[in-house]
Amino acid sequence: MVGGTGKTGRRVADRLTALGYGVRVGSRSGAVPFDWHDEGTWEGALEGVSAAYLTYYPDLAFPGAVEAVGAFSRLAAERGVGRLVLLSGRGEEAAEAGEKAVMESGAAWTVVRCAWFNQNFSESFFLEPVLAGELALPVGGAVEPFVDAEDIADVAVAALTEAGHAGEVYELTGPRLLSFSDVAVELSAATGREVRFEAVSEESYRGVLEAAGLPADFAELFSVILDGRNASLGDGVRRALGREPRDFADYAREAAASGVWNA
């Protein structure tokens, strides 16, 4: 598993372990060294692997991702990995080139194409803004079908372990469209304190990202994918799992109960 320590990867690893599968987690700081930028780490990560979950950091749409993911996928197929499940971004044209590279690798493949993660507000770069009570982003009133990482992990595990998912592109979304103003309202209700949303310029948001030690290019990516192109619901969770996706309000209540947003 590549990216097994991230928001979706660790959930996938935990589920597979609970089901009794042997799991090898490749990461730059893990027991199995893996670095997308160091091909010398790839062979070790693939040793004895029959199926792999692929996530590319910081994002599949970033420069160099297509080449790296394609080369790794071809190597995986050559080494006998029979099934690849790729985490991709919904509405990202550059990411679709990465999907194509996996599709052409020679291994059976499944693409898990996802909308914006709910957990970005509790486990990632929006945790501190939520704690501070203000979400500032380079977006306007666009709506987004926020998807839960628990649903993503369930779909990925099904694709890795069950028949019937090869050759599928699953568009994963939540059950409703929300603007970031709507998200602020949901978070306010869940936390019991005010969380506001403010639209800011892409340039000013670059400074925020740099101060947080995150790639400044995220600002451009956010402004592109949050331009309304994803303002529709997908049926990937239903097709893959036969159930409805988890709602943002349920996620927010559970996250609040965990104490993650306690000031």
C-alpha atoms as a PDB file:
ATOM      1  CA  MET A   1       0.000   0.000   0.000  1.00  0.00           C
ATOM      2  CA  VAL A   2       1.453   3.344  -1.104  1.00  0.00           C
ATOM      3  CA  GLY A   3       0.375   6.241   1.091  1.00  0.00           C
ATOM      4  CA  GLY A   4      -0.807   3.963   3.886  1.00  0.00           C
ATOM      5  CA  THR A   5      -0.346   6.603   6.562  1.00  0.00           C
ATOM      6  CA  GLY A   6      -2.638   9.224   4.996  1.00  0.00           C
ATOM      7  CA  LYS A   7      -6.318   9.941   5.638  1.00  0.00           C
ATOM      8  CA  THR A   8      -7.597   7.167   3.394  1.00  0.00           C
ATOM      9  CA  GLY A   9      -4.547   4.900   3.406  1.00  0.00           C
ATOM     10  CA  ARG A  10      -4.490   4.222   7.127  1.00  0.00           C
ATOM     11  CA  ARG A  11      -8.211   3.484   7.084  1.00  0.00           C
ATOM     12  CA  VAL A  12      -7.712   1.036   4.230  1.00  0.00           C
ATOM     13  CA  ALA A  13      -4.780  -0.601   6.061  1.00  0.00           C
ATOM     14  CA  ASP A  14      -6.801  -0.948   9.279  1.00  0.00           C
ATOM     15  CA  ARG A  15      -9.723  -2.542   7.440  1.00  0.00           C
ATOM     16  CA  LEU A  16      -7.530  -4.987   5.554  1.00  0.00           C
ATOM     17  CA  THR A  17      -5.709  -5.968   8.746  1.00  0.00           C
ATOM     18  CA  ALA A  18      -9.028  -6.534  10.519  1.00  0.00           C
ATOM     19  CA  LEU A  19     -10.102  -8.798   7.639  1.00  0.00           C
ATOM     20  CA  GLY A  20      -6.955 -10.871   8.079  1.00  0.00           C
ATOM     21  CA  TYR A  21      -4.957  -9.668   5.079  1.00  0.00           C
ATOM     22  CA  GLY A  22      -1.232  -9.089   5.271  1.00  0.00           C
ATOM     23  CA  VAL A  23      -0.564  -5.388   4.699  1.00  0.00           C
ATOM     24  CA  ARG A  24       2.669  -3.713   3.639  1.00  0.00           C
ATOM     25  CA  VAL A  25       2.603   0.046   4.084  1.00  0.00           C
ATOM     26  CA  GLY A  26       5.151   1.960   2.046  1.00  0.00           C
ATOM     27  CA  SER A  27       6.001   5.505   3.122  1.00  0.00           C
ATOM     28  CA  ARG A  28       9.034   7.751   3.408  1.00  0.00           C
ATOM     29  CA  SER A  29       9.189   7.334   7.195  1.00  0.00           C
ATOM     30  CA  GLY A  30       7.683   3.852   7.548  1.00  0.00           C
ATOM     31  CA  ALA A  31       9.122   0.397   8.112  1.00  0.00           C
ATOM     32  CA  VAL A  32       8.933  -0.188   4.356  1.00  0.00           C
ATOM     33  CA  PRO A  33      10.718   2.792   2.752  1.00  0.00           C
ATOM     34  CA  PHE A  34       8.887   4.242  -0.223  1.00  0.00           C
ATOM     35  CA  ASP A  35       9.323   7.541  -2.005  1.00  0.00           C
ATOM     36  CA  TRP A  36       7.617   8.467  -5.263  1.00  0.00           C
ATOM     37  CA  HIS A  37      10.748  10.422  -6.195  1.00  0.00           C
ATOM     38  CA  ASP A  38      13.178   7.560  -5.518  1.00  0.00           C
ATOM     39  CA  GLU A  39      12.655   4.581  -7.810  1.00  0.00           C
ATOM     40  CA  GLY A  40      15.192   2.634  -5.755  1.00  0.00           C
ATOM     41  CA  THR A  41      12.528   2.232  -3.054  1.00  0.00           C
ATOM     42  CA  TRP A  42       9.885   0.790  -5.352  1.00  0.00           C
ATOM     43  CA  GLU A  43      11.073  -2.821  -5.668  1.00  0.00           C
ATOM     44  CA  GLY A  44      11.092  -3.395  -1.914  1.00  0.00           C
ATOM     45  CA  ALA A  45       7.622  -1.979  -1.519  1.00  0.00           C
ATOM     46  CA  LEU A  46       6.281  -4.398  -4.146  1.00  0.00           C
ATOM     47  CA  GLU A  47       7.901  -7.569  -2.816  1.00  0.00           C
ATOM     48  CA  GLY A  48       5.278 -10.273  -2.307  1.00  0.00           C
ATOM     49  CA  VAL A  49       2.390  -7.901  -3.080  1.00  0.00           C
ATOM     50  CA  SER A  50      -0.665  -9.138  -4.991  1.00  0.00           C
ATOM     51  CA  ALA A  51      -2.780  -5.963  -4.900  1.00  0.00           C
ATOM     52  CA  ALA A  52      -1.934  -2.327  -4.190  1.00  0.00           C
ATOM     53  CA  TYR A  53      -3.709   0.864  -3.173  1.00  0.00           C
ATOM     54  CA  LEU A  54      -2.018   3.904  -4.718  1.00  0.00           C
ATOM     55  CA  THR A  55      -2.182   7.474  -3.451  1.00  0.00           C
ATOM     56  CA  TYR A  56       0.106  10.227  -4.686  1.00  0.00           C
ATOM     57  CA  TYR A  57       1.161  13.097  -2.403  1.00  0.00           C
ATOM     58  CA  PRO A  58       0.571  15.986  -2.591  1.00  0.00           C
ATOM     59  CA  ASP A  59      -1.946  15.374  -5.397  1.00  0.00           C
ATOM     60  CA  LEU A  60      -2.252  13.361  -8.585  1.00  0.00           C
ATOM     61  CA  ALA A  61      -2.657  16.609 -10.532  1.00  0.00           C
ATOM     62  CA  PHE A  62       0.786  17.929  -9.477  1.00  0.00           C
ATOM     63  CA  PRO A  63       3.751  18.004 -11.918  1.00  0.00           C
ATOM     64  CA  GLY A  64       5.597  14.687 -12.138  1.00  0.00           C
ATOM     65  CA  ALA A  65       2.725  12.627 -10.765  1.00  0.00           C
ATOM     66  CA  VAL A  66       1.650  11.067 -14.062  1.00  0.00           C
ATOM     67  CA  GLU A  67       5.159   9.910 -14.918  1.00  0.00           C
ATOM     68  CA  ALA A  68       5.807   8.469 -11.450  1.00  0.00           C
ATOM     69  CA  VAL A  69       2.466   6.721 -11.096  1.00  0.00           C
ATOM     70  CA  GLY A  70       2.716   5.307 -14.607  1.00  0.00           C
ATOM     71  CA  ALA A  71       6.225   3.952 -14.113  1.00  0.00           C
ATOM     72  CA  PHE A  72       5.356   2.452 -10.730  1.00  0.00           C
ATOM     73  CA  SER A  73       2.185   0.845 -12.064  1.00  0.00           C
ATOM     74  CA  ARG A  74       4.044  -0.750 -14.966  1.00  0.00           C
ATOM     75  CA  LEU A  75       6.689  -2.078 -12.563  1.00  0.00           C
ATOM     76  CA  ALA A  76       3.980  -3.426 -10.289  1.00  0.00           C
ATOM     77  CA  ALA A  77       2.372  -5.296 -13.182  1.00  0.00           C
ATOM     78  CA  GLU A  78       5.765  -6.694 -14.221  1.00  0.00           C
ATOM     79  CA  ARG A  79       6.345  -7.917 -10.646  1.00  0.00           C
ATOM     80  CA  GLY A  80       3.054  -9.785 -10.571  1.00  0.00           C
ATOM     81  CA  VAL A  81       0.790  -7.314  -8.801  1.00  0.00           C
ATOM     82  CA  GLY A  82      -2.554  -8.295 -10.253  1.00  0.00           C
ATOM     83  CA  ARG A  83      -4.771  -5.470  -8.984  1.00  0.00           C
ATOM     84  CA  LEU A  84      -4.222  -1.714  -8.609  1.00  0.00           C
ATOM     85  CA  VAL A  85      -6.659   0.683  -6.938  1.00  0.00           C
ATOM     86  CA  LEU A  86      -5.881   4.351  -7.563  1.00  0.00           C
ATOM     87  CA  LEU A  87      -7.113   7.286  -5.492  1.00  0.00           C
ATOM     88  CA  SER A  88      -7.838  10.153  -7.878  1.00  0.00           C
ATOM     89  CA  GLY A  89      -9.358  13.628  -7.734  1.00  0.00           C
ATOM     90  CA  ARG A  90     -12.761  14.471  -9.116  1.00  0.00           C
ATOM     91  CA  GLY A  91     -12.759  17.296 -11.651  1.00  0.00           C
ATOM     92  CA  GLU A  92      -8.961  17.306 -12.036  1.00  0.00           C
ATOM     93  CA  GLU A  93      -8.061  17.012 -15.714  1.00  0.00           C
ATOM     94  CA  ALA A  94      -4.385  16.444 -14.932  1.00  0.00           C
ATOM     95  CA  ALA A  95      -5.306  13.607 -12.583  1.00  0.00           C
ATOM     96  CA  GLU A  96      -7.130  11.839 -15.400  1.00  0.00           C
ATOM     97  CA  ALA A  97      -3.798  11.433 -17.181  1.00  0.00           C
ATOM     98  CA  GLY A  98      -2.564   9.588 -14.090  1.00  0.00           C
ATOM     99  CA  GLU A  99      -5.630   7.379 -14.214  1.00  0.00           C
ATOM    100  CA  LYS A 100      -4.900   6.550 -17.849  1.00  0.00           C
ATOM    101  CA  ALA A 101      -1.326   5.589 -16.954  1.00  0.00           C
ATOM    102  CA  VAL A 102      -2.604   3.069 -14.399  1.00  0.00           C
ATOM    103  CA  MET A 103      -5.200   1.753 -16.837  1.00  0.00           C
ATOM    104  CA  GLU A 104      -2.434   1.058 -19.351  1.00  0.00           C
ATOM    105  CA  SER A 105      -0.099  -0.635 -16.845  1.00  0.00           C
ATOM    106  CA  GLY A 106      -1.147  -4.207 -17.623  1.00  0.00           C
ATOM    107  CA  ALA A 107      -2.666  -4.882 -14.196  1.00  0.00           C
ATOM    108  CA  ALA A 108      -6.372  -5.014 -13.400  1.00  0.00           C
ATOM    109  CA  TRP A 109      -7.347  -1.559 -12.163  1.00  0.00           C
ATOM    110  CA  THR A 110     -10.014   0.384 -10.325  1.00  0.00           C
ATOM    111  CA  VAL A 111     -10.122   4.180 -10.062  1.00  0.00           C
ATOM    112  CA  VAL A 112     -11.603   5.729  -6.940  1.00  0.00           C
ATOM    113  CA  ARG A 113     -12.255   9.318  -8.042  1.00  0.00           C
ATOM    114  CA  CYS A 114     -13.124  11.452  -5.060  1.00  0.00           C
ATOM    115  CA  ALA A 115     -14.620  14.801  -4.201  1.00  0.00           C
ATOM    116  CA  TRP A 116     -13.355  16.984  -1.334  1.00  0.00           C
ATOM    117  CA  PHE A 117     -12.814  14.942   1.871  1.00  0.00           C
ATOM    118  CA  ASN A 118     -14.908  15.678   4.978  1.00  0.00           C
ATOM    119  CA  GLN A 119     -11.850  14.845   7.067  1.00  0.00           C
ATOM    120  CA  ASN A 120      -9.938  17.825   5.666  1.00  0.00           C
ATOM    121  CA  PHE A 121     -11.711  19.777   8.410  1.00  0.00           C
ATOM    122  CA  SER A 122     -10.617  17.535  11.273  1.00  0.00           C
ATOM    123  CA  GLU A 123      -7.405  15.757  10.254  1.00  0.00           C
ATOM    124  CA  SER A 124      -5.705  18.061   7.812  1.00  0.00           C
ATOM    125  CA  PHE A 125      -5.017  21.635   6.783  1.00  0.00           C
ATOM    126  CA  PHE A 126      -8.436  22.947   7.872  1.00  0.00           C
ATOM    127  CA  LEU A 127      -8.254  21.710  11.464  1.00  0.00           C
ATOM    128  CA  GLU A 128      -6.553  24.851  12.761  1.00  0.00           C
ATOM    129  CA  PRO A 129      -8.919  27.218  10.887  1.00  0.00           C
ATOM    130  CA  VAL A 130     -11.921  25.376  12.345  1.00  0.00           C
ATOM    131  CA  LEU A 131     -10.421  25.698  15.817  1.00  0.00           C
ATOM    132  CA  ALA A 132      -9.864  29.402  15.133  1.00  0.00           C
ATOM    133  CA  GLY A 133     -13.468  29.788  13.975  1.00  0.00           C
ATOM    134  CA  GLU A 134     -12.788  30.964  10.438  1.00  0.00           C
ATOM    135  CA  LEU A 135     -12.468  29.125   7.135  1.00  0.00           C
ATOM    136  CA  ALA A 136     -10.749  31.341   4.552  1.00  0.00           C
ATOM    137  CA  LEU A 137     -10.457  29.915   1.040  1.00  0.00           C
ATOM    138  CA  PRO A 138      -9.990  31.184  -2.535  1.00  0.00           C
ATOM    139  CA  VAL A 139     -13.508  30.134  -3.515  1.00  0.00           C
ATOM    140  CA  GLY A 140     -16.843  31.860  -3.813  1.00  0.00           C
ATOM    141  CA  GLY A 141     -20.264  30.277  -3.571  1.00  0.00           C
ATOM    142  CA  ALA A 142     -19.488  27.045  -5.410  1.00  0.00           C
ATOM    143  CA  VAL A 143     -21.042  23.914  -3.980  1.00  0.00           C
ATOM    144  CA  GLU A 144     -19.166  20.660  -3.432  1.00  0.00           C
ATOM    145  CA  PRO A 145     -20.390  17.065  -2.815  1.00  0.00           C
ATOM    146  CA  PHE A 146     -18.083  16.476   0.176  1.00  0.00           C
ATOM    147  CA  VAL A 147     -17.243  12.782   0.626  1.00  0.00           C
ATOM    148  CA  ASP A 148     -16.290  10.910   3.775  1.00  0.00           C
ATOM    149  CA  ALA A 149     -12.932   9.142   4.047  1.00  0.00           C
ATOM    150  CA  GLU A 150     -14.702   6.206   5.687  1.00  0.00           C
ATOM    151  CA  ASP A 151     -16.696   5.686   2.489  1.00  0.00           C
ATOM    152  CA  ILE A 152     -13.544   6.014   0.383  1.00  0.00           C
ATOM    153  CA  ALA A 153     -11.805   3.358   2.474  1.00  0.00           C
ATOM    154  CA  ASP A 154     -14.784   0.995   2.250  1.00  0.00           C
ATOM    155  CA  VAL A 155     -14.824   1.294  -1.545  1.00  0.00           C
ATOM    156  CA  ALA A 156     -11.048   0.857  -1.831  1.00  0.00           C
ATOM    157  CA  VAL A 157     -11.105  -2.282   0.332  1.00  0.00           C
ATOM    158  CA  ALA A 158     -13.941  -3.742  -1.719  1.00  0.00           C
ATOM    159  CA  ALA A 159     -12.004  -3.045  -4.920  1.00  0.00           C
ATOM    160  CA  LEU A 160      -8.858  -4.642  -3.477  1.00  0.00           C
ATOM    161  CA  THR A 161     -10.487  -7.785  -2.128  1.00  0.00           C
ATOM    162  CA  GLU A 162     -13.696  -8.524  -4.033  1.00  0.00           C
ATOM    163  CA  ALA A 163     -14.542  -9.549  -7.574  1.00  0.00           C
ATOM    164  CA  GLY A 164     -16.541  -7.271  -9.837  1.00  0.00           C
ATOM    165  CA  HIS A 165     -14.638  -3.978  -9.437  1.00  0.00           C
ATOM    166  CA  ALA A 166     -11.970  -4.323 -12.137  1.00  0.00           C
ATOM    167  CA  GLY A 167     -12.202  -1.707 -14.860  1.00  0.00           C
ATOM    168  CA  GLU A 168     -14.534   0.528 -12.826  1.00  0.00           C
ATOM    169  CA  VAL A 169     -14.209   4.272 -12.272  1.00  0.00           C
ATOM    170  CA  TYR A 170     -16.115   5.093  -9.097  1.00  0.00           C
ATOM    171  CA  GLU A 171     -17.045   8.751  -8.632  1.00  0.00           C
ATOM    172  CA  LEU A 172     -17.383   9.099  -4.878  1.00  0.00           C
ATOM    173  CA  THR A 173     -19.379  11.934  -3.344  1.00  0.00           C
ATOM    174  CA  GLY A 174     -21.538  12.558  -0.351  1.00  0.00           C
ATOM    175  CA  PRO A 175     -25.358  12.568  -0.607  1.00  0.00           C
ATOM    176  CA  ARG A 176     -25.815  16.356  -1.003  1.00  0.00           C
ATOM    177  CA  LEU A 177     -24.151  19.511  -2.287  1.00  0.00           C
ATOM    178  CA  LEU A 178     -22.800  22.037   0.227  1.00  0.00           C
ATOM    179  CA  SER A 179     -21.145  25.428  -0.155  1.00  0.00           C
ATOM    180  CA  PHE A 180     -18.352  26.338   2.237  1.00  0.00           C
ATOM    181  CA  SER A 181     -20.820  28.660   3.930  1.00  0.00           C
ATOM    182  CA  ASP A 182     -23.057  25.619   4.441  1.00  0.00           C
ATOM    183  CA  VAL A 183     -20.080  23.710   5.843  1.00  0.00           C
ATOM    184  CA  ALA A 184     -19.426  26.528   8.312  1.00  0.00           C
ATOM    185  CA  VAL A 185     -23.046  26.277   9.458  1.00  0.00           C
ATOM    186  CA  GLU A 186     -22.742  22.493   9.893  1.00  0.00           C
ATOM    187  CA  LEU A 187     -19.487  22.854  11.818  1.00  0.00           C
ATOM    188  CA  SER A 188     -20.983  25.571  14.017  1.00  0.00           C
ATOM    189  CA  ALA A 189     -23.897  23.299  14.872  1.00  0.00           C
ATOM    190  CA  ALA A 190     -21.625  20.342  15.622  1.00  0.00           C
ATOM    191  CA  THR A 191     -19.086  22.254  17.720  1.00  0.00           C
ATOM    192  CA  GLY A 192     -21.505  24.559  19.514  1.00  0.00           C
ATOM    193  CA  ARG A 193     -19.509  27.649  18.584  1.00  0.00           C
ATOM    194  CA  GLU A 194     -19.383  29.912  15.557  1.00  0.00           C
ATOM    195  CA  VAL A 195     -17.324  28.913  12.542  1.00  0.00           C
ATOM    196  CA  ARG A 196     -17.363  31.490   9.733  1.00  0.00           C
ATOM    197  CA  PHE A 197     -16.458  31.267   6.063  1.00  0.00           C
ATOM    198  CA  GLU A 198     -14.588  34.017   4.210  1.00  0.00           C
ATOM    199  CA  ALA A 199     -13.669  34.079   0.503  1.00  0.00           C
ATOM    200  CA  VAL A 200     -10.092  35.294  -0.060  1.00  0.00           C
ATOM    201  CA  SER A 201      -7.851  35.812  -3.074  1.00  0.00           C
ATOM    202  CA  GLU A 202      -5.696  33.016  -4.441  1.00  0.00           C
ATOM    203  CA  GLU A 203      -2.561  35.083  -3.847  1.00  0.00           C
ATOM    204  CA  SER A 204      -3.303  35.741  -0.187  1.00  0.00           C
ATOM    205  CA  TYR A 205      -4.115  32.075   0.337  1.00  0.00           C
ATOM    206  CA  ARG A 206      -0.733  31.092  -1.075  1.00  0.00           C
ATOM    207  CA  GLY A 207       0.833  32.951   1.821  1.00  0.00           C
ATOM    208  CA  VAL A 208      -1.336  31.056   4.289  1.00  0.00           C
ATOM    209  CA  LEU A 209      -0.279  27.720   2.801  1.00  0.00           C
ATOM    210  CA  GLU A 210       3.407  28.604   2.796  1.00  0.00           C
ATOM    211  CA  ALA A 211       3.210  29.671   6.448  1.00  0.00           C
ATOM    212  CA  ALA A 212       1.651  26.289   7.249  1.00  0.00           C
ATOM    213  CA  GLY A 213       4.408  24.421   5.385  1.00  0.00           C
ATOM    214  CA  LEU A 214       2.070  23.213   2.627  1.00  0.00           C
ATOM    215  CA  PRO A 215       2.606  23.460  -1.158  1.00  0.00           C
ATOM    216  CA  ALA A 216       1.575  26.919  -2.332  1.00  0.00           C
ATOM    217  CA  ASP A 217       0.277  25.310  -5.537  1.00  0.00           C
ATOM    218  CA  PHE A 218      -2.666  24.012  -3.522  1.00  0.00           C
ATOM    219  CA  ALA A 219      -4.116  27.537  -3.777  1.00  0.00           C
ATOM    220  CA  GLU A 220      -4.371  27.283  -7.563  1.00  0.00           C
ATOM    221  CA  LEU A 221      -5.680  23.709  -7.384  1.00  0.00           C
ATOM    222  CA  PHE A 222      -8.370  24.699  -4.881  1.00  0.00           C
ATOM    223  CA  SER A 223      -9.523  27.657  -6.962  1.00  0.00           C
ATOM    224  CA  VAL A 224      -9.702  25.458 -10.078  1.00  0.00           C
ATOM    225  CA  ILE A 225     -11.528  22.430  -8.719  1.00  0.00           C
ATOM    226  CA  LEU A 226     -13.840  24.572  -6.585  1.00  0.00           C
ATOM    227  CA  ASP A 227     -15.126  26.598  -9.535  1.00  0.00           C
ATOM    228  CA  GLY A 228     -18.401  24.687  -9.699  1.00  0.00           C
ATOM    229  CA  ARG A 229     -17.239  21.856 -11.962  1.00  0.00           C
ATOM    230  CA  ASN A 230     -18.006  19.297  -9.254  1.00  0.00           C
ATOM    231  CA  ALA A 231     -21.470  20.593  -8.441  1.00  0.00           C
ATOM    232  CA  SER A 232     -23.136  17.240  -9.057  1.00  0.00           C
ATOM    233  CA  LEU A 233     -23.569  14.025  -7.122  1.00  0.00           C
ATOM    234  CA  GLY A 234     -21.878  10.758  -8.071  1.00  0.00           C
ATOM    235  CA  ASP A 235     -23.185   7.237  -7.564  1.00  0.00           C
ATOM    236  CA  GLY A 236     -19.859   5.527  -6.844  1.00  0.00           C
ATOM    237  CA  VAL A 237     -20.551   4.596  -3.220  1.00  0.00           C
ATOM    238  CA  ARG A 238     -23.914   3.122  -4.162  1.00  0.00           C
ATOM    239  CA  ARG A 239     -22.510   1.196  -7.147  1.00  0.00           C
ATOM    240  CA  ALA A 240     -19.530  -0.172  -5.243  1.00  0.00           C
ATOM    241  CA  LEU A 241     -21.127  -0.899  -1.875  1.00  0.00           C
ATOM    242  CA  GLY A 242     -24.879  -1.033  -2.439  1.00  0.00           C
ATOM    243  CA  ARG A 243     -25.593   1.652   0.178  1.00  0.00           C
ATOM    244  CA  GLU A 244     -25.914   5.404   0.425  1.00  0.00           C
ATOM    245  CA  PRO A 245     -22.883   7.595   1.235  1.00  0.00           C
ATOM    246  CA  ARG A 246     -22.328   9.146   4.649  1.00  0.00           C
ATOM    247  CA  ASP A 247     -23.660  12.677   5.180  1.00  0.00           C
ATOM    248  CA  PHE A 248     -21.473  15.601   6.246  1.00  0.00           C
ATOM    249  CA  ALA A 249     -23.675  16.312   9.278  1.00  0.00           C
ATOM    250  CA  ASP A 250     -23.107  12.775  10.599  1.00  0.00           C
ATOM    251  CA  TYR A 251     -19.367  13.163  10.099  1.00  0.00           C
ATOM    252  CA  ALA A 252     -19.361  16.540  11.876  1.00  0.00           C
ATOM    253  CA  ARG A 253     -21.265  15.213  14.892  1.00  0.00           C
ATOM    254  CA  GLU A 254     -18.917  12.232  15.268  1.00  0.00           C
ATOM    255  CA  ALA A 255     -15.804  14.369  14.837  1.00  0.00           C
ATOM    256  CA  ALA A 256     -17.080  16.831  17.445  1.00  0.00           C
ATOM    257  CA  ALA A 257     -17.805  13.968  19.861  1.00  0.00           C
ATOM    258  CA  SER A 258     -14.219  12.748  19.473  1.00  0.00           C
ATOM    259  CA  GLY A 259     -12.955  16.044  20.918  1.00  0.00           C
ATOM    260  CA  VAL A 260     -10.837  16.957  17.908  1.00  0.00           C
ATOM    261  CA  TRP A 261     -12.362  20.442  17.780  1.00  0.00           C
ATOM    262  CA  ASN A 262     -12.144  21.188  21.490  1.00  0.00           C
ATOM    263  CA  ALA A 263     -10.371  24.514  21.819  1.00  0.00           C
END
